[in-house]
Amino acid sequence: MEEYQICTLPNGLRLIHRPTQSAVSYCGFTVNAGTRDEGEAYNGLAHFVEHTLFKGTTHRRASHILNRMEVVGGELNAYTAKEETVVYTIFPGVHLPRAMELLGDLVADSQFPERELAKEREVVADEINLYLDTPTELIYDEFESLLFEGCSLGRNILGSVESLNGMTSAVARRFLTDYYTPGNMVFFFMGATPFARVKALAERYLGGLTRPTKAMNRRLPSPVPAFTRTIGRDTHQSHVIIGARAYDLHDPRRRALLLLNNLLGGPGMNSVLNVSLREKRGYVYTVESSVTSYTDTGVFTIYFGTDHHDTRRCIDLVRRELKRLREQRLSPAKLAAAKRQFIGQIEVSTDNSENVALALGKSFLRYGRFDSLAEIARRVEQITADDLLAVANDLLSEEQLSMLIYE
């Protein structure tokens, strides 16, 4: 079975099709627009549009939209990120025409009726207040706001309760018109329906969208000196993030960083930081590192939560492990083990079909391709111990790392 097929419709919409033998199908739009693309006065607009996209079109009321896929056992969903918005559905494959017609209607003709927006402002306000009460999430956004100070990348995805009041029907429609355009989106499909059939349905239900593509106005964040900030919060433990700017989506060094990150603080219980801080000493319940890559920059972070009296001990231990990565080249045996674990984790993750379908859309949007597991494994195997050492010294030096502490 072929890995995937692609085409571009006459209106400029790109389509990627990945065949499977499952009775369940996935399809949707990956839109090249997110929090980064909002006007300064409208922080949270991309997320608010994603929420209210389902609140009515010229042909459908909100109740009709919510029931359209559910009555056949499907699901309609969406999410917003800093640089993308995704609107998609999961459904029994025989209902593909229903799914594509609905998605096409939402993207082309959502009206954002004010009566529905008023209700949704309350829903999003509750979401924002819950987020503000969750320090394990809030600290990541506050760290990025400091790391990308003065840039739209530093804004949080939800926005604020105050900014919601400016999000009118006209503002939402303008965002939809500007960014939900054929040239600024891809349509992804994963399921058993043949490519020719999917293409024909796409031309029928999605081909009528003819909005011109607006030029993106993203600018590279200005440099920010390394910082250390401590913020007093009424929490039962300290929360700490240590990190720095990292590589963008197209930087070849990103592969080595992802492997290094997995070794240092990935999901495995045998990660360096989990063994050092939790297994050996019992200082933390959670410690993890992560990499987020954007189109022109990225972020590397280490997070842990610990009792207040253990905060400094944990910081010292993290610094010790980072120093070791900067100074000691991995042995061939340890490098091989790290690669084997990383490739295995990627293989396991492909068992989640929804995640694969979403990755299909994002990969095609950003790279114009979707790599097979074999290709990913080949690239991981090419990483050397010297590559890891170079990345560690490039990103993880003491003078380059910033730190944010809630205590």
Protein backbone atom coordinates (compact mmCIF):
# COMPACT_ATOMS: atom_id res chain seq x y z
CA MET A 1 0.00 0.00 0.00
CA GLU A 2 1.36 3.46 -0.93
CA GLU A 3 2.35 5.75 1.93
CA TYR A 4 0.40 8.72 0.58
CA GLN A 5 -0.74 10.62 -2.52
CA ILE A 6 -1.03 14.36 -3.04
CA CYS A 7 -2.64 16.81 -5.41
CA THR A 8 -3.54 20.49 -5.67
CA LEU A 9 -7.10 21.47 -6.55
CA PRO A 10 -7.70 24.18 -9.18
CA ASN A 11 -8.42 26.70 -6.38
CA GLY A 12 -4.96 26.11 -4.86
CA LEU A 13 -5.99 23.86 -1.95
CA ARG A 14 -3.44 21.11 -1.37
CA LEU A 15 -4.70 17.63 -0.51
CA ILE A 16 -2.84 14.69 1.02
CA HIS A 17 -4.34 11.19 1.10
CA ARG A 18 -2.98 8.32 3.21
CA PRO A 19 -4.66 4.97 2.56
CA THR A 20 -5.47 2.57 5.38
CA GLN A 21 -7.64 -0.52 5.67
CA SER A 22 -9.62 0.81 8.62
CA ALA A 23 -13.38 1.31 8.54
CA VAL A 24 -12.78 4.60 10.37
CA SER A 25 -11.64 7.68 8.46
CA TYR A 26 -10.10 11.03 9.42
CA CYS A 27 -10.14 14.24 7.45
CA GLY A 28 -9.80 17.95 8.04
CA PHE A 29 -8.10 21.25 7.39
CA THR A 30 -4.71 22.26 8.76
CA VAL A 31 -4.62 26.05 8.58
CA ASN A 32 -1.41 28.06 8.55
CA ALA A 33 -2.71 30.52 11.15
CA GLY A 34 -2.68 30.62 14.92
CA THR A 35 -2.05 32.83 17.92
CA ARG A 36 0.99 34.34 16.26
CA ASP A 37 -1.17 35.85 13.52
CA GLU A 38 -3.63 37.80 15.65
CA GLY A 39 -3.62 41.56 15.91
CA GLU A 40 -2.13 42.87 19.16
CA ALA A 41 -5.55 43.94 20.45
CA TYR A 42 -7.07 40.51 19.81
CA ASN A 43 -4.99 38.02 21.78
CA GLY A 44 -6.92 34.73 21.76
CA LEU A 45 -8.75 35.45 18.49
CA ALA A 46 -7.48 32.36 16.62
CA HIS A 47 -8.67 30.16 19.50
CA PHE A 48 -12.00 32.00 19.71
CA VAL A 49 -12.58 31.57 15.96
CA GLU A 50 -11.81 27.86 16.31
CA HIS A 51 -14.44 27.62 19.09
CA THR A 52 -17.11 29.60 17.24
CA LEU A 53 -16.56 28.13 13.80
CA PHE A 54 -19.25 25.58 14.74
CA LYS A 55 -21.87 28.17 15.76
CA GLY A 56 -23.68 28.61 12.48
CA THR A 57 -23.39 29.00 8.72
CA THR A 58 -25.86 30.42 6.20
CA HIS A 59 -27.32 26.92 5.86
CA ARG A 60 -26.99 25.51 9.38
CA ARG A 61 -27.63 26.44 12.97
CA ALA A 62 -25.21 25.46 15.74
CA SER A 63 -27.38 22.48 16.76
CA HIS A 64 -27.37 21.15 13.21
CA ILE A 65 -23.57 21.39 13.01
CA LEU A 66 -23.02 19.64 16.33
CA ASN A 67 -25.29 16.77 15.32
CA ARG A 68 -24.19 16.35 11.72
CA MET A 69 -21.35 13.87 12.41
CA GLU A 70 -22.46 12.65 15.82
CA VAL A 71 -25.69 11.11 14.50
CA VAL A 72 -23.62 8.70 12.40
CA GLY A 73 -21.20 7.93 15.25
CA GLY A 74 -18.54 10.45 14.26
CA GLU A 75 -16.82 13.30 16.08
CA LEU A 76 -16.16 16.90 15.09
CA ASN A 77 -13.15 18.55 16.69
CA ALA A 78 -10.60 21.37 16.43
CA TYR A 79 -7.60 22.84 18.20
CA THR A 80 -5.43 25.96 18.05
CA ALA A 81 -1.66 26.28 18.34
CA LYS A 82 0.75 29.21 18.03
CA GLU A 83 1.09 28.79 14.24
CA GLU A 84 -1.70 26.40 13.18
CA THR A 85 -5.39 25.75 13.61
CA VAL A 86 -6.83 22.33 12.81
CA VAL A 87 -10.49 21.53 12.15
CA TYR A 88 -11.24 17.86 11.59
CA THR A 89 -13.64 14.98 11.95
CA ILE A 90 -13.41 11.25 12.74
CA PHE A 91 -16.18 9.09 11.28
CA PRO A 92 -17.20 5.74 9.78
CA GLY A 93 -15.64 5.89 6.34
CA VAL A 94 -18.89 5.42 4.43
CA HIS A 95 -19.92 8.93 5.51
CA LEU A 96 -17.07 10.76 3.79
CA PRO A 97 -19.37 12.93 1.61
CA ARG A 98 -21.20 14.11 4.73
CA ALA A 99 -17.90 14.91 6.45
CA MET A 100 -16.38 16.83 3.55
CA GLU A 101 -19.54 18.79 2.82
CA LEU A 102 -19.78 19.87 6.46
CA LEU A 103 -16.12 20.88 6.75
CA GLY A 104 -16.34 22.81 3.49
CA ASP A 105 -19.42 24.66 4.74
CA LEU A 106 -17.74 25.59 8.03
CA VAL A 107 -14.59 26.95 6.44
CA ALA A 108 -16.35 28.77 3.61
CA ASP A 109 -19.47 30.10 5.27
CA SER A 110 -19.29 30.34 9.09
CA GLN A 111 -21.26 33.42 10.13
CA PHE A 112 -20.34 33.79 13.84
CA PRO A 113 -23.81 34.96 15.00
CA GLU A 114 -23.55 37.38 17.91
CA ARG A 115 -26.06 35.49 20.06
CA GLU A 116 -23.84 32.40 19.89
CA LEU A 117 -20.64 34.40 20.42
CA ALA A 118 -22.03 35.85 23.65
CA LYS A 119 -22.52 32.33 25.04
CA GLU A 120 -19.13 31.15 23.85
CA ARG A 121 -17.35 34.09 25.50
CA GLU A 122 -18.56 32.70 28.82
CA VAL A 123 -17.29 29.22 27.93
CA VAL A 124 -13.84 30.51 26.91
CA ALA A 125 -13.70 32.77 29.99
CA ASP A 126 -14.20 29.69 32.17
CA GLU A 127 -11.45 27.92 30.21
CA ILE A 128 -9.11 30.87 30.80
CA ASN A 129 -9.85 30.97 34.54
CA LEU A 130 -9.23 27.22 34.84
CA TYR A 131 -5.93 27.67 33.00
CA LEU A 132 -4.92 30.50 35.36
CA ASP A 133 -5.51 28.11 38.27
CA THR A 134 -3.19 25.49 36.74
CA PRO A 135 0.44 26.48 37.39
CA THR A 136 1.84 23.47 35.51
CA GLU A 137 0.35 24.96 32.31
CA LEU A 138 0.62 28.65 33.12
CA ILE A 139 4.36 28.53 33.76
CA TYR A 140 5.09 27.32 30.20
CA ASP A 141 3.23 30.25 28.68
CA GLU A 142 4.75 32.74 31.08
CA PHE A 143 8.21 31.41 30.23
CA GLU A 144 7.55 31.84 26.51
CA SER A 145 6.19 35.35 27.08
CA LEU A 146 9.57 36.25 28.64
CA LEU A 147 11.60 34.32 26.07
CA PHE A 148 9.77 35.97 23.14
CA GLU A 149 9.14 39.32 24.75
CA GLY A 150 7.73 41.86 22.30
CA CYS A 151 6.73 39.19 19.78
CA SER A 152 3.33 37.63 19.10
CA LEU A 153 4.88 34.19 19.73
CA GLY A 154 5.01 35.15 23.39
CA ARG A 155 1.24 35.48 23.69
CA ASN A 156 -0.74 32.63 25.20
CA ILE A 157 -3.24 30.79 23.02
CA LEU A 158 -6.36 31.46 25.11
CA GLY A 159 -5.95 35.22 25.42
CA SER A 160 -7.54 37.05 28.36
CA VAL A 161 -11.07 37.57 29.67
CA GLU A 162 -10.69 41.25 28.77
CA SER A 163 -9.62 40.61 25.17
CA LEU A 164 -12.69 38.41 24.58
CA ASN A 165 -14.95 41.45 24.66
CA GLY A 166 -13.45 42.80 21.44
CA MET A 167 -14.07 39.61 19.48
CA THR A 168 -17.18 40.46 17.54
CA SER A 169 -18.79 38.66 14.65
CA ALA A 170 -17.13 41.04 12.19
CA VAL A 171 -13.67 40.51 13.72
CA ALA A 172 -14.08 36.71 13.61
CA ARG A 173 -15.28 36.75 9.99
CA ARG A 174 -12.33 38.92 8.97
CA PHE A 175 -9.88 36.44 10.53
CA LEU A 176 -11.61 33.57 8.73
CA THR A 177 -11.54 35.44 5.42
CA ASP A 178 -7.89 36.43 5.79
CA TYR A 179 -6.44 33.07 6.81
CA TYR A 180 -8.84 30.22 5.98
CA THR A 181 -7.95 30.42 2.30
CA PRO A 182 -7.11 27.61 -0.15
CA GLY A 183 -3.48 28.69 -0.44
CA ASN A 184 -3.07 28.87 3.33
CA MET A 185 -4.48 25.43 4.17
CA VAL A 186 -4.06 21.77 3.43
CA PHE A 187 -6.79 19.15 3.50
CA PHE A 188 -5.76 15.77 4.89
CA PHE A 189 -7.52 12.42 4.59
CA MET A 190 -6.67 9.06 6.13
CA GLY A 191 -8.87 6.04 5.51
CA ALA A 192 -9.89 3.32 3.09
CA THR A 193 -11.59 5.50 0.46
CA PRO A 194 -9.56 5.50 -2.79
CA PHE A 195 -7.62 8.63 -3.70
CA ALA A 196 -9.64 9.30 -6.87
CA ARG A 197 -12.88 9.30 -4.88
CA VAL A 198 -11.48 11.63 -2.19
CA LYS A 199 -10.17 14.00 -4.86
CA ALA A 200 -13.52 14.07 -6.67
CA LEU A 201 -15.38 14.83 -3.42
CA ALA A 202 -12.85 17.52 -2.55
CA GLU A 203 -13.37 19.21 -5.92
CA ARG A 204 -17.13 19.07 -5.34
CA TYR A 205 -17.30 20.26 -1.74
CA LEU A 206 -14.08 22.24 -1.26
CA GLY A 207 -13.33 23.52 -4.76
CA GLY A 208 -15.71 26.49 -4.52
CA LEU A 209 -13.58 28.28 -1.92
CA THR A 210 -11.74 31.01 -3.82
CA ARG A 211 -10.51 33.52 -1.25
CA PRO A 212 -7.14 35.11 -2.06
CA THR A 213 -4.25 34.24 0.23
CA LYS A 214 -3.09 37.03 2.50
CA ALA A 215 0.65 37.56 2.92
CA MET A 216 1.87 36.38 6.33
CA ASN A 217 3.26 39.08 8.60
CA ARG A 218 5.39 36.98 10.94
CA ARG A 219 8.67 38.46 12.12
CA LEU A 220 11.59 36.78 13.81
CA PRO A 221 11.61 37.47 17.56
CA SER A 222 14.34 39.86 18.69
CA PRO A 223 17.09 38.42 20.92
CA VAL A 224 16.36 38.45 24.65
CA PRO A 225 19.16 38.16 27.25
CA ALA A 226 19.06 35.10 29.50
CA PHE A 227 16.97 35.77 32.60
CA THR A 228 16.14 34.32 36.01
CA ARG A 229 12.76 35.28 37.46
CA THR A 230 11.07 34.18 40.67
CA ILE A 231 7.35 34.81 41.06
CA GLY A 232 5.50 34.28 44.31
CA ARG A 233 2.39 32.12 43.93
CA ASP A 234 0.24 30.42 46.50
CA THR A 235 1.07 26.87 45.44
CA HIS A 236 1.83 23.84 47.60
CA GLN A 237 5.10 23.23 45.73
CA SER A 238 7.61 25.09 43.60
CA HIS A 239 7.36 24.93 39.81
CA VAL A 240 10.49 25.52 37.75
CA ILE A 241 11.25 25.88 34.05
CA ILE A 242 14.79 26.08 32.70
CA GLY A 243 15.23 26.62 28.98
CA ALA A 244 16.33 28.58 25.96
CA ARG A 245 15.46 29.33 22.38
CA ALA A 246 16.11 26.39 20.09
CA TYR A 247 16.00 25.32 16.44
CA ASP A 248 13.20 26.00 13.99
CA LEU A 249 11.26 23.36 12.05
CA HIS A 250 13.70 23.38 9.14
CA ASP A 251 17.03 23.33 11.00
CA PRO A 252 18.80 19.98 10.41
CA ARG A 253 20.21 20.13 13.95
CA ARG A 254 16.67 19.71 15.27
CA ARG A 255 16.89 15.92 14.80
CA ALA A 256 19.83 15.67 17.16
CA LEU A 257 18.06 17.95 19.63
CA LEU A 258 14.98 15.73 19.62
CA LEU A 259 17.11 12.67 20.37
CA LEU A 260 19.01 14.54 23.08
CA ASN A 261 15.74 15.75 24.58
CA ASN A 262 14.33 12.23 24.67
CA LEU A 263 17.44 10.98 26.41
CA LEU A 264 17.42 13.83 28.92
CA GLY A 265 13.78 14.19 29.90
CA GLY A 266 11.55 12.30 27.48
CA PRO A 267 8.56 10.14 28.45
CA GLY A 268 10.64 7.10 29.39
CA MET A 269 11.00 6.38 33.12
CA ASN A 270 14.70 5.82 32.40
CA SER A 271 15.31 9.40 31.23
CA VAL A 272 18.39 11.01 32.74
CA LEU A 273 16.46 13.61 34.72
CA ASN A 274 13.77 11.21 35.94
CA VAL A 275 16.41 8.82 37.25
CA SER A 276 18.41 11.61 38.90
CA LEU A 277 15.59 13.64 40.49
CA ARG A 278 12.86 11.06 41.09
CA GLU A 279 14.17 7.50 41.13
CA LYS A 280 17.39 8.11 43.05
CA ARG A 281 16.31 10.93 45.37
CA GLY A 282 12.50 11.19 45.39
CA TYR A 283 12.57 14.98 44.99
CA VAL A 284 9.90 15.23 42.26
CA TYR A 285 6.80 13.55 40.95
CA THR A 286 7.17 15.06 37.48
CA VAL A 287 10.28 16.13 35.61
CA GLU A 288 10.37 16.42 31.85
CA SER A 289 12.06 18.20 28.99
CA SER A 290 10.44 19.23 25.73
CA VAL A 291 11.16 20.76 22.33
CA THR A 292 8.73 23.01 20.47
CA SER A 293 9.73 24.12 16.99
CA TYR A 294 8.16 26.99 15.07
CA THR A 295 8.73 28.11 11.49
CA ASP A 296 11.61 30.43 12.40
CA THR A 297 12.64 29.62 15.98
CA GLY A 298 12.01 27.12 18.75
CA VAL A 299 12.01 26.46 22.49
CA PHE A 300 13.76 23.88 24.63
CA THR A 301 12.49 23.55 28.22
CA ILE A 302 13.02 21.47 31.33
CA TYR A 303 10.17 21.48 33.85
CA PHE A 304 9.85 20.04 37.34
CA GLY A 305 7.69 20.55 40.40
CA THR A 306 9.09 19.92 43.87
CA ASP A 307 8.69 20.79 47.56
CA HIS A 308 9.86 24.32 48.28
CA HIS A 309 12.80 23.15 50.38
CA ASP A 310 14.11 20.93 47.55
CA THR A 311 14.00 23.54 44.77
CA ARG A 312 17.68 24.51 44.86
CA ARG A 313 18.81 20.89 45.12
CA CYS A 314 16.82 20.04 42.00
CA ILE A 315 18.17 23.02 40.07
CA ASP A 316 21.73 21.99 40.96
CA LEU A 317 21.06 18.41 39.84
CA VAL A 318 19.64 19.58 36.50
CA ARG A 319 22.69 21.77 35.95
CA ARG A 320 24.96 18.84 36.77
CA GLU A 321 23.27 16.61 34.18
CA LEU A 322 23.41 19.33 31.53
CA LYS A 323 27.11 19.86 32.25
CA ARG A 324 27.70 16.14 31.76
CA LEU A 325 25.94 16.25 28.37
CA ARG A 326 28.10 19.20 27.31
CA GLU A 327 31.37 17.57 28.38
CA GLN A 328 30.98 13.82 27.90
CA ARG A 329 30.47 12.19 24.51
CA LEU A 330 27.96 9.31 24.60
CA SER A 331 29.54 5.87 24.25
CA PRO A 332 28.57 3.81 21.19
CA ALA A 333 26.47 1.51 23.39
CA LYS A 334 24.55 4.37 25.05
CA LEU A 335 24.02 6.13 21.74
CA ALA A 336 22.65 2.95 20.16
CA ALA A 337 20.34 2.41 23.14
CA ALA A 338 19.07 6.01 22.95
CA LYS A 339 18.32 5.64 19.24
CA ARG A 340 16.59 2.30 19.72
CA GLN A 341 14.34 3.72 22.44
CA PHE A 342 13.50 6.87 20.47
CA ILE A 343 12.63 4.97 17.29
CA GLY A 344 10.57 2.50 19.31
CA GLN A 345 8.60 5.31 20.94
CA ILE A 346 7.85 6.82 17.54
CA GLU A 347 6.70 3.42 16.29
CA VAL A 348 4.39 2.97 19.29
CA SER A 349 2.93 6.46 18.76
CA THR A 350 1.87 5.49 15.24
CA ASP A 351 -0.64 3.09 16.79
CA ASN A 352 -2.75 6.17 17.61
CA SER A 353 -4.49 6.80 14.30
CA GLU A 354 -5.84 10.21 15.28
CA ASN A 355 -2.34 11.48 16.07
CA VAL A 356 -1.04 10.12 12.77
CA ALA A 357 -3.81 11.84 10.82
CA LEU A 358 -3.10 15.17 12.53
CA ALA A 359 0.63 14.74 11.90
CA LEU A 360 -0.19 14.03 8.25
CA GLY A 361 -1.78 17.45 7.88
CA LYS A 362 0.89 19.40 9.74
CA SER A 363 3.79 17.66 7.99
CA PHE A 364 2.31 18.36 4.56
CA LEU A 365 1.64 21.99 5.51
CA ARG A 366 5.19 22.58 6.73
CA TYR A 367 7.33 20.26 4.61
CA GLY A 368 5.22 19.25 1.63
CA ARG A 369 5.70 15.58 2.53
CA PHE A 370 4.96 12.91 5.13
CA ASP A 371 7.91 10.76 6.16
CA SER A 372 7.52 7.03 6.69
CA LEU A 373 8.67 5.36 9.89
CA ALA A 374 11.55 3.83 7.92
CA GLU A 375 12.70 7.26 6.75
CA ILE A 376 12.46 8.71 10.26
CA ALA A 377 14.46 5.77 11.64
CA ARG A 378 17.10 6.23 8.93
CA ARG A 379 17.58 9.86 9.89
CA VAL A 380 17.77 9.05 13.58
CA GLU A 381 20.42 6.40 12.89
CA GLN A 382 22.54 9.03 11.12
CA ILE A 383 22.90 11.11 14.31
CA THR A 384 26.35 10.83 15.86
CA ALA A 385 27.64 11.33 19.39
CA ASP A 386 29.44 14.42 18.11
CA ASP A 387 26.11 15.81 16.85
CA LEU A 388 24.63 15.46 20.34
CA LEU A 389 27.69 17.03 21.95
CA ALA A 390 27.54 19.98 19.55
CA VAL A 391 23.85 20.60 20.23
CA ALA A 392 24.34 20.36 23.99
CA ASN A 393 27.11 22.95 23.85
CA ASP A 394 25.16 25.18 21.48
CA LEU A 395 21.95 25.33 23.53
CA LEU A 396 22.58 24.17 27.07
CA SER A 397 25.40 26.37 28.32
CA GLU A 398 24.91 28.02 31.73
CA GLU A 399 25.07 31.54 30.32
CA GLN A 400 22.42 30.82 27.68
CA LEU A 401 19.78 29.16 29.85
CA SER A 402 16.94 31.14 31.37
CA MET A 403 14.88 30.13 34.40
CA LEU A 404 11.41 30.88 35.75
CA ILE A 405 10.39 29.79 39.26
CA TYR A 406 6.96 29.80 40.88
CA GLU A 407 7.25 29.55 44.65
